[in-house]
N, C-alpha and C. Protein backbone atom coordinates (compact mmCIF):
# COMPACT_ATOMS: atom_id res chain seq x y z
N MET A 1 3.74 9.85 7.34
CA MET A 1 2.99 8.62 7.48
C MET A 1 3.66 7.77 8.56
N ASP A 2 2.90 7.15 9.42
CA ASP A 2 3.48 6.31 10.45
C ASP A 2 3.74 4.91 9.92
N SER A 3 4.45 4.09 10.70
CA SER A 3 4.85 2.77 10.23
C SER A 3 3.65 1.86 10.00
N ASP A 4 2.56 2.03 10.75
CA ASP A 4 1.37 1.22 10.52
C ASP A 4 0.78 1.49 9.13
N ALA A 5 0.77 2.74 8.73
CA ALA A 5 0.26 3.09 7.41
C ALA A 5 1.14 2.49 6.32
N PHE A 6 2.45 2.50 6.53
CA PHE A 6 3.34 1.88 5.56
C PHE A 6 3.12 0.38 5.49
N THR A 7 2.86 -0.25 6.63
CA THR A 7 2.61 -1.69 6.64
C THR A 7 1.37 -2.01 5.83
N VAL A 8 0.31 -1.25 6.01
CA VAL A 8 -0.91 -1.46 5.24
C VAL A 8 -0.62 -1.25 3.75
N PHE A 9 0.12 -0.21 3.42
CA PHE A 9 0.47 0.04 2.02
C PHE A 9 1.27 -1.12 1.44
N ASP A 10 2.27 -1.60 2.18
CA ASP A 10 3.11 -2.71 1.71
C ASP A 10 2.29 -3.95 1.44
N ILE A 11 1.40 -4.28 2.36
CA ILE A 11 0.56 -5.47 2.20
C ILE A 11 -0.37 -5.32 1.00
N THR A 12 -0.98 -4.15 0.88
CA THR A 12 -1.90 -3.89 -0.22
C THR A 12 -1.17 -3.91 -1.56
N ALA A 13 -0.03 -3.24 -1.62
CA ALA A 13 0.74 -3.21 -2.87
C ALA A 13 1.20 -4.60 -3.26
N GLY A 14 1.70 -5.35 -2.30
CA GLY A 14 2.16 -6.70 -2.58
C GLY A 14 1.06 -7.59 -3.12
N ALA A 15 -0.12 -7.49 -2.55
CA ALA A 15 -1.25 -8.31 -2.99
C ALA A 15 -1.78 -7.87 -4.35
N ASN A 16 -1.94 -6.57 -4.53
CA ASN A 16 -2.54 -6.06 -5.77
C ASN A 16 -1.59 -6.10 -6.96
N LEU A 17 -0.31 -5.99 -6.71
CA LEU A 17 0.66 -5.96 -7.81
C LEU A 17 1.36 -7.29 -8.01
N ASN A 18 0.98 -8.29 -7.22
CA ASN A 18 1.60 -9.61 -7.31
C ASN A 18 3.12 -9.49 -7.16
N THR A 19 3.53 -8.82 -6.10
CA THR A 19 4.94 -8.59 -5.85
C THR A 19 5.30 -9.02 -4.43
N LEU A 20 6.57 -9.17 -4.23
CA LEU A 20 7.11 -9.43 -2.90
C LEU A 20 7.64 -8.09 -2.38
N VAL A 21 7.11 -7.63 -1.27
CA VAL A 21 7.52 -6.35 -0.70
C VAL A 21 8.30 -6.61 0.57
N LEU A 22 9.51 -6.09 0.63
CA LEU A 22 10.33 -6.18 1.82
C LEU A 22 10.39 -4.80 2.45
N SER A 23 10.00 -4.70 3.68
CA SER A 23 10.04 -3.43 4.40
C SER A 23 11.22 -3.48 5.35
N VAL A 24 12.12 -2.53 5.20
CA VAL A 24 13.37 -2.54 5.94
C VAL A 24 13.43 -1.34 6.88
N ASP A 25 13.80 -1.59 8.11
CA ASP A 25 14.00 -0.51 9.06
C ASP A 25 15.49 -0.17 9.11
N TYR A 26 15.81 0.97 9.62
CA TYR A 26 17.21 1.38 9.72
C TYR A 26 17.40 2.16 11.01
N ARG A 27 18.65 2.20 11.45
CA ARG A 27 18.97 2.93 12.69
C ARG A 27 18.85 4.43 12.45
N ARG A 28 18.33 5.11 13.47
CA ARG A 28 18.06 6.55 13.34
C ARG A 28 18.89 7.38 14.30
N SER A 29 19.05 8.64 13.94
CA SER A 29 19.74 9.62 14.79
C SER A 29 18.82 10.01 15.93
N PRO A 30 19.28 10.51 17.01
CA PRO A 30 20.67 10.82 17.31
C PRO A 30 21.44 9.64 17.91
N GLU A 31 20.74 8.55 18.22
CA GLU A 31 21.43 7.41 18.84
C GLU A 31 22.47 6.80 17.89
N HIS A 32 22.15 6.80 16.61
CA HIS A 32 23.04 6.19 15.61
C HIS A 32 23.37 7.25 14.56
N ARG A 33 24.59 7.69 14.58
CA ARG A 33 25.03 8.78 13.71
C ARG A 33 25.32 8.27 12.30
N TYR A 34 25.40 9.22 11.37
CA TYR A 34 25.83 8.93 10.01
C TYR A 34 27.15 8.17 10.07
N PRO A 35 27.36 7.16 9.32
CA PRO A 35 26.61 6.62 8.18
C PRO A 35 25.76 5.39 8.52
N ALA A 36 25.34 5.23 9.77
CA ALA A 36 24.61 4.02 10.19
C ALA A 36 23.40 3.70 9.30
N PRO A 37 22.53 4.64 8.96
CA PRO A 37 21.38 4.27 8.12
C PRO A 37 21.79 3.73 6.74
N TYR A 38 22.83 4.31 6.17
CA TYR A 38 23.29 3.86 4.86
C TYR A 38 23.95 2.49 4.95
N GLU A 39 24.65 2.24 6.04
CA GLU A 39 25.24 0.91 6.26
C GLU A 39 24.14 -0.13 6.39
N ASP A 40 23.05 0.22 7.06
CA ASP A 40 21.93 -0.71 7.19
C ASP A 40 21.34 -1.03 5.82
N GLY A 41 21.17 -0.02 4.98
CA GLY A 41 20.65 -0.24 3.64
C GLY A 41 21.56 -1.12 2.82
N THR A 42 22.85 -0.86 2.88
CA THR A 42 23.83 -1.66 2.15
C THR A 42 23.85 -3.09 2.67
N ASP A 43 23.74 -3.25 3.98
CA ASP A 43 23.72 -4.60 4.57
C ASP A 43 22.54 -5.42 4.05
N VAL A 44 21.39 -4.77 3.89
CA VAL A 44 20.21 -5.49 3.37
C VAL A 44 20.47 -5.95 1.93
N LEU A 45 21.03 -5.07 1.11
CA LEU A 45 21.31 -5.46 -0.27
C LEU A 45 22.34 -6.59 -0.33
N ARG A 46 23.36 -6.53 0.51
CA ARG A 46 24.34 -7.61 0.55
C ARG A 46 23.69 -8.92 0.99
N PHE A 47 22.83 -8.84 2.00
CA PHE A 47 22.11 -10.01 2.50
C PHE A 47 21.32 -10.67 1.36
N LEU A 48 20.60 -9.87 0.60
CA LEU A 48 19.83 -10.41 -0.51
C LEU A 48 20.73 -10.95 -1.62
N ASP A 49 21.80 -10.24 -1.92
CA ASP A 49 22.72 -10.64 -2.98
C ASP A 49 23.42 -11.96 -2.67
N HIS A 50 23.64 -12.23 -1.40
CA HIS A 50 24.34 -13.45 -1.01
C HIS A 50 23.39 -14.57 -0.61
N GLY A 51 22.15 -14.51 -1.07
CA GLY A 51 21.20 -15.59 -0.84
C GLY A 51 20.54 -15.60 0.52
N GLY A 52 20.59 -14.49 1.22
CA GLY A 52 20.02 -14.42 2.56
C GLY A 52 18.52 -14.63 2.61
N LEU A 53 17.83 -14.25 1.53
CA LEU A 53 16.38 -14.43 1.52
C LEU A 53 16.02 -15.90 1.60
N ALA A 54 16.80 -16.75 0.96
CA ALA A 54 16.53 -18.19 0.99
C ALA A 54 16.64 -18.74 2.40
N SER A 55 17.58 -18.24 3.17
CA SER A 55 17.71 -18.73 4.55
C SER A 55 16.66 -18.11 5.47
N ALA A 56 16.19 -16.92 5.15
CA ALA A 56 15.19 -16.25 5.98
C ALA A 56 13.77 -16.73 5.65
N ASP A 57 13.49 -16.93 4.37
CA ASP A 57 12.14 -17.34 3.94
C ASP A 57 12.27 -18.05 2.60
N ALA A 58 12.36 -19.37 2.64
CA ALA A 58 12.59 -20.16 1.42
C ALA A 58 11.46 -19.99 0.42
N ALA A 59 10.22 -19.90 0.89
CA ALA A 59 9.09 -19.73 -0.03
C ALA A 59 9.17 -18.39 -0.76
N ALA A 60 9.50 -17.34 -0.04
CA ALA A 60 9.65 -16.02 -0.67
C ALA A 60 10.80 -16.03 -1.66
N ALA A 61 11.88 -16.71 -1.32
CA ALA A 61 13.04 -16.75 -2.21
C ALA A 61 12.70 -17.43 -3.53
N ARG A 62 11.85 -18.43 -3.49
CA ARG A 62 11.45 -19.11 -4.73
C ARG A 62 10.62 -18.19 -5.62
N LEU A 63 9.89 -17.27 -5.03
CA LEU A 63 9.04 -16.36 -5.80
C LEU A 63 9.76 -15.10 -6.27
N ALA A 64 10.82 -14.73 -5.58
CA ALA A 64 11.48 -13.46 -5.84
C ALA A 64 12.43 -13.54 -7.03
N ASP A 65 12.40 -12.52 -7.84
CA ASP A 65 13.37 -12.36 -8.92
C ASP A 65 14.12 -11.06 -8.64
N LEU A 66 15.26 -11.20 -7.96
CA LEU A 66 16.00 -10.01 -7.54
C LEU A 66 16.62 -9.25 -8.71
N ALA A 67 16.60 -9.85 -9.89
CA ALA A 67 17.11 -9.13 -11.07
C ALA A 67 16.12 -8.07 -11.53
N THR A 68 14.87 -8.16 -11.07
CA THR A 68 13.86 -7.18 -11.48
C THR A 68 13.26 -6.49 -10.25
N CYS A 69 14.11 -6.01 -9.39
CA CYS A 69 13.62 -5.35 -8.18
C CYS A 69 13.87 -3.85 -8.26
N PHE A 70 13.22 -3.12 -7.38
CA PHE A 70 13.49 -1.70 -7.26
C PHE A 70 13.44 -1.32 -5.79
N LEU A 71 14.07 -0.22 -5.49
CA LEU A 71 14.13 0.30 -4.13
C LEU A 71 13.29 1.56 -4.06
N ALA A 72 12.62 1.75 -2.93
CA ALA A 72 11.81 2.94 -2.74
C ALA A 72 11.83 3.32 -1.27
N GLY A 73 11.45 4.51 -0.98
CA GLY A 73 11.38 4.96 0.39
C GLY A 73 10.64 6.28 0.46
N ASP A 74 10.45 6.75 1.66
CA ASP A 74 9.77 8.02 1.88
C ASP A 74 10.66 8.87 2.77
N SER A 75 10.86 10.09 2.40
CA SER A 75 11.64 11.04 3.18
C SER A 75 13.07 10.52 3.35
N ALA A 76 13.53 10.34 4.57
CA ALA A 76 14.91 9.87 4.79
C ALA A 76 15.11 8.49 4.19
N GLY A 77 14.08 7.65 4.23
CA GLY A 77 14.18 6.32 3.63
C GLY A 77 14.40 6.38 2.13
N ALA A 78 13.81 7.37 1.47
CA ALA A 78 14.03 7.56 0.03
C ALA A 78 15.47 7.96 -0.24
N ASN A 79 16.02 8.81 0.62
CA ASN A 79 17.40 9.22 0.47
C ASN A 79 18.34 8.02 0.64
N ILE A 80 18.05 7.18 1.60
CA ILE A 80 18.87 5.98 1.82
C ILE A 80 18.76 5.05 0.62
N ALA A 81 17.54 4.80 0.16
CA ALA A 81 17.34 3.93 -1.01
C ALA A 81 18.10 4.46 -2.22
N HIS A 82 18.05 5.76 -2.43
CA HIS A 82 18.76 6.37 -3.55
C HIS A 82 20.27 6.15 -3.46
N HIS A 83 20.82 6.32 -2.29
CA HIS A 83 22.27 6.26 -2.14
C HIS A 83 22.82 4.84 -2.07
N VAL A 84 22.02 3.88 -1.68
CA VAL A 84 22.54 2.51 -1.63
C VAL A 84 22.28 1.75 -2.92
N ALA A 85 21.44 2.31 -3.79
CA ALA A 85 21.10 1.61 -5.05
C ALA A 85 22.29 1.49 -5.98
């Protein structure tokens, strides 16, 4: 699936499930070798854990309950989500 299809899915899922969906990109090979993608995933979780969502989007931060979140991905993104969780 290309990134446009994922964007449509994210928007649709967020609207239909009454959820906040964050779509995260990561550095890819061969330009960025292992462990760059995993570091990117960990950086996102640290950003959220340290209140970064409030500084990036205050309205979203008021709606988000990070205690009830889950991580997902497709293909390599699923592997990254699994390992950084």
